[in-house]
């Protein structure tokens, strides 16, 4: 099994790298996100651009980045080699986590970087409780 970490070498960090990707990469966009992809021989790397115009609060910007990083980390082994920069747009502020994941996956599919049949596994995050369904309600606890 490959590591599910997001190591430093998997990140686009240098301004010169961002400039090169913006200038020479392919661009695909949705109202929520824009993706710049520059194919290369190196394994997939990702950079993020989430400005204060997207959300003036750091908590909101960090939520967007956290969702995108996690999605990239989980899909990294299925992505075409190259450098990716994801630019959040103001509509990302109102988007839920699953909406951000769907938008990011859609951009990857449209750009040709991710095979159409590839998707994130639909398993719950470890440590979370399963949701009670109407057919099997949660047991009643008498606290009296």
N, C-alpha and C. Protein backbone atom coordinates (compact mmCIF):
# COMPACT_ATOMS: atom_id res chain seq x y z
N UNK A 1 0.85 -1.19 0.00
CA UNK A 1 0.00 0.00 0.00
C UNK A 1 0.89 1.25 0.00
N UNK A 2 0.54 2.23 -0.81
CA UNK A 2 1.31 3.46 -0.86
C UNK A 2 0.90 4.37 0.29
N UNK A 3 1.80 5.24 0.65
CA UNK A 3 1.54 6.16 1.74
C UNK A 3 0.47 7.17 1.34
N UNK A 4 -0.41 7.50 2.27
CA UNK A 4 -1.47 8.46 2.01
C UNK A 4 -1.09 9.86 2.48
N UNK A 5 0.19 10.05 2.79
CA UNK A 5 0.64 11.37 3.25
C UNK A 5 0.72 12.35 2.10
N UNK A 6 0.90 13.61 2.43
CA UNK A 6 1.07 14.67 1.44
C UNK A 6 2.45 15.28 1.68
N UNK A 7 3.52 14.64 1.18
CA UNK A 7 4.88 15.08 1.50
C UNK A 7 5.24 16.41 0.85
N UNK A 8 6.30 17.02 1.33
CA UNK A 8 6.76 18.32 0.81
C UNK A 8 7.05 18.26 -0.67
N UNK A 9 7.62 17.16 -1.14
CA UNK A 9 7.96 17.06 -2.55
C UNK A 9 6.73 16.96 -3.44
N UNK A 10 5.54 16.78 -2.87
CA UNK A 10 4.30 16.71 -3.63
C UNK A 10 3.60 18.07 -3.68
N UNK A 11 4.29 19.11 -3.21
CA UNK A 11 3.69 20.45 -3.16
C UNK A 11 4.41 21.40 -4.11
N UNK A 12 3.64 22.24 -4.77
CA UNK A 12 4.22 23.33 -5.56
C UNK A 12 4.33 24.49 -4.58
N UNK A 13 5.55 24.98 -4.36
CA UNK A 13 5.74 26.00 -3.34
C UNK A 13 6.41 27.27 -3.85
N UNK A 14 7.30 27.14 -4.81
CA UNK A 14 8.09 28.30 -5.26
C UNK A 14 7.29 29.19 -6.20
N UNK A 15 7.46 30.49 -6.04
CA UNK A 15 6.78 31.45 -6.91
C UNK A 15 7.11 31.19 -8.38
N UNK A 16 8.35 30.83 -8.66
CA UNK A 16 8.74 30.56 -10.05
C UNK A 16 7.97 29.37 -10.62
N UNK A 17 7.69 28.36 -9.78
CA UNK A 17 6.89 27.22 -10.24
C UNK A 17 5.44 27.65 -10.53
N UNK A 18 4.87 28.44 -9.63
CA UNK A 18 3.50 28.93 -9.85
C UNK A 18 3.44 29.74 -11.15
N UNK A 19 4.41 30.64 -11.34
CA UNK A 19 4.43 31.47 -12.55
C UNK A 19 4.53 30.60 -13.81
N UNK A 20 5.38 29.59 -13.77
CA UNK A 20 5.57 28.70 -14.92
C UNK A 20 4.28 27.94 -15.23
N UNK A 21 3.61 27.45 -14.20
CA UNK A 21 2.37 26.69 -14.39
C UNK A 21 1.27 27.61 -14.92
N UNK A 22 1.14 28.81 -14.37
CA UNK A 22 0.13 29.75 -14.85
C UNK A 22 0.39 30.14 -16.30
N UNK A 23 1.64 30.31 -16.66
CA UNK A 23 1.98 30.78 -18.00
C UNK A 23 1.88 29.69 -19.06
N UNK A 24 2.31 28.47 -18.74
CA UNK A 24 2.40 27.42 -19.75
C UNK A 24 1.40 26.28 -19.57
N UNK A 25 0.69 26.24 -18.46
CA UNK A 25 -0.20 25.12 -18.19
C UNK A 25 -1.55 25.24 -18.88
N UNK A 26 -2.26 24.11 -18.89
CA UNK A 26 -3.64 24.07 -19.40
C UNK A 26 -4.55 24.59 -18.30
N UNK A 27 -5.58 25.32 -18.67
CA UNK A 27 -6.50 25.89 -17.68
C UNK A 27 -7.90 25.35 -17.91
N UNK A 28 -8.52 24.89 -16.85
CA UNK A 28 -9.91 24.44 -16.86
C UNK A 28 -10.58 25.10 -15.68
N UNK A 29 -11.81 25.58 -15.86
CA UNK A 29 -12.43 26.33 -14.77
C UNK A 29 -13.91 25.99 -14.61
N UNK A 30 -14.37 26.16 -13.40
CA UNK A 30 -15.77 26.09 -13.00
C UNK A 30 -16.04 27.35 -12.17
N UNK A 31 -17.30 27.63 -11.86
CA UNK A 31 -17.57 28.81 -11.03
C UNK A 31 -16.92 28.75 -9.64
N UNK A 32 -16.63 27.54 -9.15
CA UNK A 32 -16.09 27.38 -7.80
C UNK A 32 -14.56 27.34 -7.79
N UNK A 33 -13.96 26.67 -8.77
CA UNK A 33 -12.51 26.46 -8.80
C UNK A 33 -11.97 26.60 -10.22
N UNK A 34 -10.69 26.90 -10.31
CA UNK A 34 -9.98 26.86 -11.59
C UNK A 34 -8.76 25.95 -11.38
N UNK A 35 -8.43 25.18 -12.40
CA UNK A 35 -7.30 24.26 -12.33
C UNK A 35 -6.31 24.60 -13.44
N UNK A 36 -5.06 24.74 -13.07
CA UNK A 36 -3.97 24.93 -14.02
C UNK A 36 -3.11 23.68 -13.92
N UNK A 37 -2.86 23.01 -15.06
CA UNK A 37 -2.10 21.77 -15.06
C UNK A 37 -1.01 21.83 -16.11
N UNK A 38 0.20 21.57 -15.69
CA UNK A 38 1.34 21.53 -16.59
C UNK A 38 1.91 20.11 -16.55
N UNK A 39 1.64 19.29 -17.57
CA UNK A 39 2.16 17.92 -17.59
C UNK A 39 3.69 17.92 -17.57
N UNK A 40 4.26 16.95 -16.89
CA UNK A 40 5.72 16.80 -16.84
C UNK A 40 6.04 15.36 -16.49
N UNK A 41 7.31 15.07 -16.26
CA UNK A 41 7.74 13.71 -15.95
C UNK A 41 7.76 13.42 -14.45
N UNK A 42 7.56 14.44 -13.63
CA UNK A 42 7.60 14.24 -12.18
C UNK A 42 6.23 13.78 -11.68
N UNK A 43 6.18 13.02 -10.58
CA UNK A 43 4.88 12.63 -10.02
C UNK A 43 4.06 13.88 -9.68
N UNK A 44 2.75 13.70 -9.62
CA UNK A 44 1.82 14.81 -9.41
C UNK A 44 2.20 15.64 -8.18
N UNK A 45 2.21 16.97 -8.38
CA UNK A 45 2.43 17.94 -7.29
C UNK A 45 1.31 18.94 -7.35
N UNK A 46 0.93 19.50 -6.19
CA UNK A 46 -0.18 20.46 -6.16
C UNK A 46 0.19 21.71 -5.38
N UNK A 47 -0.28 22.85 -5.90
CA UNK A 47 -0.19 24.12 -5.21
C UNK A 47 -1.59 24.69 -5.10
N UNK A 48 -1.82 25.50 -4.09
CA UNK A 48 -3.14 26.10 -3.85
C UNK A 48 -3.04 27.61 -3.84
N UNK A 49 -4.08 28.24 -4.35
CA UNK A 49 -4.20 29.70 -4.28
C UNK A 49 -5.61 30.01 -3.80
N UNK A 50 -5.71 30.42 -2.54
CA UNK A 50 -7.00 30.77 -1.95
C UNK A 50 -6.82 32.15 -1.32
N UNK A 51 -7.29 33.18 -2.00
CA UNK A 51 -7.04 34.55 -1.55
C UNK A 51 -8.11 35.04 -0.58
N UNK A 52 -7.86 36.22 -0.03
CA UNK A 52 -8.83 36.85 0.87
C UNK A 52 -10.09 37.26 0.14
N UNK A 53 -10.03 37.38 -1.18
CA UNK A 53 -11.25 37.69 -1.95
C UNK A 53 -12.22 36.52 -1.90
N UNK A 54 -11.68 35.30 -1.76
CA UNK A 54 -12.53 34.11 -1.67
C UNK A 54 -13.24 34.10 -0.32
N UNK A 55 -12.49 34.29 0.74
CA UNK A 55 -13.07 34.34 2.09
C UNK A 55 -12.16 35.21 2.94
N UNK A 56 -12.68 36.30 3.51
CA UNK A 56 -11.83 37.17 4.32
C UNK A 56 -11.36 36.52 5.62
N UNK A 57 -12.01 35.44 6.03
CA UNK A 57 -11.65 34.77 7.27
C UNK A 57 -10.69 33.61 7.01
N UNK A 58 -9.60 33.55 7.77
CA UNK A 58 -8.61 32.50 7.61
C UNK A 58 -9.23 31.11 7.81
N UNK A 59 -10.18 31.01 8.72
CA UNK A 59 -10.82 29.72 8.98
C UNK A 59 -11.49 29.19 7.71
N UNK A 60 -12.16 30.04 6.99
CA UNK A 60 -12.83 29.64 5.75
C UNK A 60 -11.83 29.26 4.67
N UNK A 61 -10.77 30.03 4.53
CA UNK A 61 -9.73 29.72 3.52
C UNK A 61 -9.06 28.40 3.86
N UNK A 62 -8.78 28.18 5.13
CA UNK A 62 -8.12 26.94 5.55
C UNK A 62 -9.02 25.73 5.33
N UNK A 63 -10.32 25.88 5.51
CA UNK A 63 -11.26 24.78 5.26
C UNK A 63 -11.20 24.37 3.79
N UNK A 64 -11.22 25.35 2.91
CA UNK A 64 -11.15 25.07 1.47
C UNK A 64 -9.85 24.35 1.14
N UNK A 65 -8.74 24.85 1.66
CA UNK A 65 -7.44 24.24 1.39
C UNK A 65 -7.37 22.82 1.95
N UNK A 66 -7.91 22.61 3.13
CA UNK A 66 -7.88 21.29 3.76
C UNK A 66 -8.63 20.26 2.91
N UNK A 67 -9.81 20.64 2.41
CA UNK A 67 -10.61 19.73 1.57
C UNK A 67 -9.87 19.42 0.27
N UNK A 68 -9.31 20.44 -0.36
CA UNK A 68 -8.61 20.23 -1.64
C UNK A 68 -7.34 19.41 -1.45
N UNK A 69 -6.59 19.67 -0.38
CA UNK A 69 -5.38 18.89 -0.11
C UNK A 69 -5.71 17.42 0.12
N UNK A 70 -6.75 17.17 0.90
CA UNK A 70 -7.13 15.80 1.20
C UNK A 70 -7.58 15.07 -0.07
N UNK A 71 -8.34 15.75 -0.90
CA UNK A 71 -8.80 15.14 -2.15
C UNK A 71 -7.61 14.82 -3.04
N UNK A 72 -6.69 15.76 -3.18
CA UNK A 72 -5.50 15.53 -4.00
C UNK A 72 -4.68 14.38 -3.45
N UNK A 73 -4.50 14.36 -2.15
CA UNK A 73 -3.72 13.32 -1.50
C UNK A 73 -4.29 11.93 -1.81
N UNK A 74 -5.61 11.81 -1.76
CA UNK A 74 -6.26 10.53 -2.00
C UNK A 74 -6.27 10.13 -3.47
N UNK A 75 -6.23 11.11 -4.37
CA UNK A 75 -6.26 10.82 -5.81
C UNK A 75 -4.88 10.82 -6.45
N UNK A 76 -3.87 11.21 -5.72
CA UNK A 76 -2.54 11.45 -6.30
C UNK A 76 -2.01 10.27 -7.11
N UNK A 77 -2.20 9.06 -6.64
CA UNK A 77 -1.71 7.89 -7.34
C UNK A 77 -2.39 7.65 -8.69
N UNK A 78 -3.58 8.21 -8.89
CA UNK A 78 -4.33 8.01 -10.13
C UNK A 78 -4.15 9.17 -11.11
N UNK A 79 -3.48 10.23 -10.68
CA UNK A 79 -3.34 11.41 -11.53
C UNK A 79 -2.18 11.29 -12.51
N UNK A 80 -2.32 11.96 -13.63
CA UNK A 80 -1.22 12.05 -14.59
C UNK A 80 -0.10 12.86 -13.97
N UNK A 81 1.12 12.55 -14.37
CA UNK A 81 2.29 13.27 -13.83
C UNK A 81 2.23 14.74 -14.24
N UNK A 82 2.70 15.60 -13.36
CA UNK A 82 2.74 17.01 -13.66
C UNK A 82 2.46 17.87 -12.45
N UNK A 83 2.40 19.17 -12.68
CA UNK A 83 2.16 20.14 -11.62
C UNK A 83 0.75 20.71 -11.75
N UNK A 84 0.05 20.78 -10.64
CA UNK A 84 -1.32 21.27 -10.60
C UNK A 84 -1.39 22.47 -9.66
N UNK A 85 -2.10 23.49 -10.07
CA UNK A 85 -2.39 24.60 -9.18
C UNK A 85 -3.90 24.79 -9.20
N UNK A 86 -4.50 24.75 -8.02
CA UNK A 86 -5.94 24.94 -7.88
C UNK A 86 -6.17 26.34 -7.33
N UNK A 87 -6.98 27.12 -8.04
CA UNK A 87 -7.30 28.48 -7.63
C UNK A 87 -8.77 28.49 -7.20
N UNK A 88 -9.00 28.83 -5.94
CA UNK A 88 -10.37 28.92 -5.45
C UNK A 88 -10.98 30.24 -5.90
N UNK A 89 -12.26 30.20 -6.20
CA UNK A 89 -12.99 31.40 -6.59
C UNK A 89 -13.99 31.75 -5.48
N UNK A 90 -14.53 32.96 -5.48
CA UNK A 90 -15.42 33.37 -4.39
C UNK A 90 -16.58 32.41 -4.11
N UNK A 91 -17.08 31.71 -5.13
CA UNK A 91 -18.19 30.77 -4.91
C UNK A 91 -17.77 29.60 -4.02
N UNK A 92 -16.48 29.36 -3.87
CA UNK A 92 -16.00 28.26 -3.02
C UNK A 92 -16.34 28.51 -1.55
N UNK A 93 -16.53 29.76 -1.19
CA UNK A 93 -16.84 30.10 0.21
C UNK A 93 -18.14 29.44 0.66
N UNK A 94 -19.15 29.40 -0.21
CA UNK A 94 -20.44 28.82 0.14
C UNK A 94 -20.50 27.32 -0.13
N UNK A 95 -19.53 26.77 -0.84
CA UNK A 95 -19.56 25.35 -1.20
C UNK A 95 -19.25 24.48 0.01
N UNK A 96 -19.98 23.39 0.12
CA UNK A 96 -19.71 22.42 1.19
C UNK A 96 -18.49 21.59 0.81
N UNK A 97 -18.00 20.81 1.74
CA UNK A 97 -16.86 19.94 1.47
C UNK A 97 -17.11 19.00 0.30
N UNK A 98 -18.23 18.26 0.31
CA UNK A 98 -18.51 17.36 -0.82
C UNK A 98 -18.66 18.10 -2.16
N UNK A 99 -19.17 19.32 -2.13
CA UNK A 99 -19.28 20.11 -3.36
C UNK A 99 -17.89 20.50 -3.88
N UNK A 100 -16.99 20.86 -2.97
CA UNK A 100 -15.62 21.18 -3.38
C UNK A 100 -14.92 19.95 -3.96
N UNK A 101 -15.11 18.79 -3.33
CA UNK A 101 -14.52 17.55 -3.83
C UNK A 101 -15.04 17.24 -5.23
N UNK A 102 -16.37 17.35 -5.41
CA UNK A 102 -16.97 17.07 -6.72
C UNK A 102 -16.47 18.04 -7.79
N UNK A 103 -16.33 19.31 -7.43
CA UNK A 103 -15.84 20.30 -8.40
C UNK A 103 -14.39 20.00 -8.77
N UNK A 104 -13.56 19.67 -7.79
CA UNK A 104 -12.16 19.37 -8.05
C UNK A 104 -12.03 18.13 -8.93
N UNK A 105 -12.78 17.08 -8.60
CA UNK A 105 -12.75 15.87 -9.41
C UNK A 105 -13.24 16.16 -10.83
N UNK A 106 -14.28 16.98 -10.96
CA UNK A 106 -14.78 17.34 -12.28
C UNK A 106 -13.73 18.05 -13.11
N UNK A 107 -12.99 18.96 -12.48
CA UNK A 107 -11.93 19.67 -13.19
C UNK A 107 -10.82 18.71 -13.63
N UNK A 108 -10.48 17.78 -12.76
CA UNK A 108 -9.44 16.80 -13.11
C UNK A 108 -9.88 15.93 -14.27
N UNK A 109 -11.15 15.53 -14.27
CA UNK A 109 -11.68 14.72 -15.38
C UNK A 109 -11.67 15.53 -16.67
N UNK A 110 -12.18 16.77 -16.60
CA UNK A 110 -12.26 17.62 -17.80
C UNK A 110 -10.89 17.92 -18.39
N UNK A 111 -9.90 18.06 -17.54
CA UNK A 111 -8.56 18.38 -18.02
C UNK A 111 -7.86 17.16 -18.61
N UNK A 112 -8.39 15.97 -18.34
CA UNK A 112 -7.76 14.75 -18.83
C UNK A 112 -6.70 14.21 -17.89
N UNK A 113 -6.56 14.80 -16.72
CA UNK A 113 -5.55 14.38 -15.77
C UNK A 113 -5.99 13.17 -14.95
N UNK A 114 -7.27 12.90 -14.91
CA UNK A 114 -7.83 11.80 -14.12
C UNK A 114 -8.75 11.00 -15.02
N UNK A 115 -8.60 9.70 -15.01
CA UNK A 115 -9.45 8.84 -15.84
C UNK A 115 -10.91 9.01 -15.43
N UNK A 116 -11.85 8.95 -16.41
CA UNK A 116 -13.26 9.17 -16.10
C UNK A 116 -13.84 8.19 -15.07
N UNK A 117 -13.29 6.98 -14.99
CA UNK A 117 -13.83 6.00 -14.04
C UNK A 117 -13.18 6.09 -12.67
N UNK A 118 -12.16 6.94 -12.50
CA UNK A 118 -11.48 7.09 -11.21
C UNK A 118 -12.27 8.04 -10.31
N UNK A 119 -12.39 7.67 -9.08
CA UNK A 119 -13.09 8.51 -8.11
C UNK A 119 -12.60 8.17 -6.72
N UNK A 120 -12.92 9.01 -5.78
CA UNK A 120 -12.56 8.76 -4.39
C UNK A 120 -13.39 7.61 -3.83
N UNK A 121 -12.80 6.79 -2.98
CA UNK A 121 -13.59 5.76 -2.32
C UNK A 121 -14.61 6.41 -1.39
N UNK A 122 -15.77 5.82 -1.31
CA UNK A 122 -16.84 6.39 -0.49
C UNK A 122 -16.87 5.79 0.90
N UNK A 123 -15.72 5.66 1.53
CA UNK A 123 -15.69 5.13 2.88
C UNK A 123 -15.66 6.29 3.86
N UNK A 124 -16.30 6.11 5.01
CA UNK A 124 -16.29 7.19 6.00
C UNK A 124 -14.89 7.37 6.57
N UNK A 125 -14.64 8.55 7.06
CA UNK A 125 -13.36 8.84 7.68
C UNK A 125 -13.23 8.01 8.95
N UNK A 126 -12.03 7.53 9.25
CA UNK A 126 -11.87 6.75 10.47
C UNK A 126 -12.19 7.58 11.70
N UNK A 127 -12.84 6.94 12.66
CA UNK A 127 -13.15 7.62 13.90
C UNK A 127 -14.49 8.33 13.91
N UNK A 128 -15.22 8.28 12.79
CA UNK A 128 -16.52 8.91 12.78
C UNK A 128 -17.59 7.88 13.05
N UNK A 129 -18.66 8.32 13.62
CA UNK A 129 -19.76 7.41 13.93
C UNK A 129 -20.66 7.28 12.71
N UNK A 130 -21.19 6.10 12.45
CA UNK A 130 -22.11 5.95 11.33
C UNK A 130 -23.40 6.72 11.60
N UNK A 131 -23.97 7.26 10.55
CA UNK A 131 -25.21 8.01 10.69
C UNK A 131 -26.37 7.04 10.89
N UNK A 132 -27.30 7.39 11.75
CA UNK A 132 -28.49 6.56 11.97
C UNK A 132 -29.43 6.77 10.80
N UNK A 133 -29.98 5.68 10.31
CA UNK A 133 -30.92 5.79 9.20
C UNK A 133 -32.34 5.71 9.75
N UNK A 134 -33.33 6.22 9.00
CA UNK A 134 -34.71 6.16 9.48
C UNK A 134 -35.18 4.73 9.70
N UNK A 135 -34.66 3.76 8.94
CA UNK A 135 -35.09 2.37 9.11
C UNK A 135 -34.45 1.73 10.33
N UNK A 136 -33.35 2.28 10.81
CA UNK A 136 -32.68 1.77 11.99
C UNK A 136 -32.30 2.93 12.90
N UNK A 137 -33.30 3.49 13.62
CA UNK A 137 -32.99 4.66 14.45
C UNK A 137 -32.04 4.31 15.60
N UNK A 138 -31.39 5.31 16.09
CA UNK A 138 -30.46 5.14 17.19
C UNK A 138 -31.24 4.69 18.42
N UNK A 139 -30.64 3.83 19.26
CA UNK A 139 -31.35 3.36 20.45
C UNK A 139 -31.64 4.52 21.41
N UNK A 140 -32.77 4.40 22.09
CA UNK A 140 -33.15 5.41 23.07
C UNK A 140 -32.44 5.13 24.38
N UNK A 141 -31.86 6.16 24.98
CA UNK A 141 -31.20 6.02 26.27
C UNK A 141 -32.05 6.73 27.30
N UNK A 142 -32.48 5.99 28.31
CA UNK A 142 -33.30 6.57 29.38
C UNK A 142 -32.38 7.20 30.40
N UNK A 143 -32.46 8.50 30.56
CA UNK A 143 -31.58 9.23 31.49
C UNK A 143 -32.33 9.59 32.78
N UNK A 144 -33.43 8.96 33.02
CA UNK A 144 -34.22 9.35 34.16
C UNK A 144 -34.01 8.58 35.34
